[in-house]
Amino acid sequence: QVQLVESGGGLVQAGDSLRLSCAASGRTFNRYTMGWFRQAPGKEREFVAAIGWSGGTTSYADSMKGRFTISRDNAKNTVYLQMNSLKAEDTAVYYCAASNRPLTMVVVTAHSTYDYWGQGTQVTVSS
């Protein structure tokens, strides 16, 4: 069982940066593919980014490439999402998720890939 707790959300202005964190419980964090998703009001939850076990492999949604960076610190059981040049359309609840399968063997964009989900953290970008 893995518990995920997101933090770092808040209210920022367009163009600002924000770093989200997701702390995971458990002793096998380095065997989980980690992902970030987001859900804006009235919209479906969408894939943002994913990172493999060692952190050496990442995947991004096309609209986030170049602005968002996913990383992980296995010693701290934490995955991060650095978000730069934020836009109003980035406003959403951001969720982290964990899958106990290797990134290269799953469809990282699919909700069903992930076995565990956090409660989410709100990011609001004012224009």
Foldseek 3Di string as FASTA:
>chain_A
DKAKAKDWADEEAAQAKTKMKIAMDDDPLLQKKKFKWWDDPPGDIWGAKIAWSVRPDMDGDPVQPPFWDWGDDSVRRMIMIIGGRDDQVVWTWMKMFIANHGPVVDDRTDPVRGDDIYPTDTHGYHD
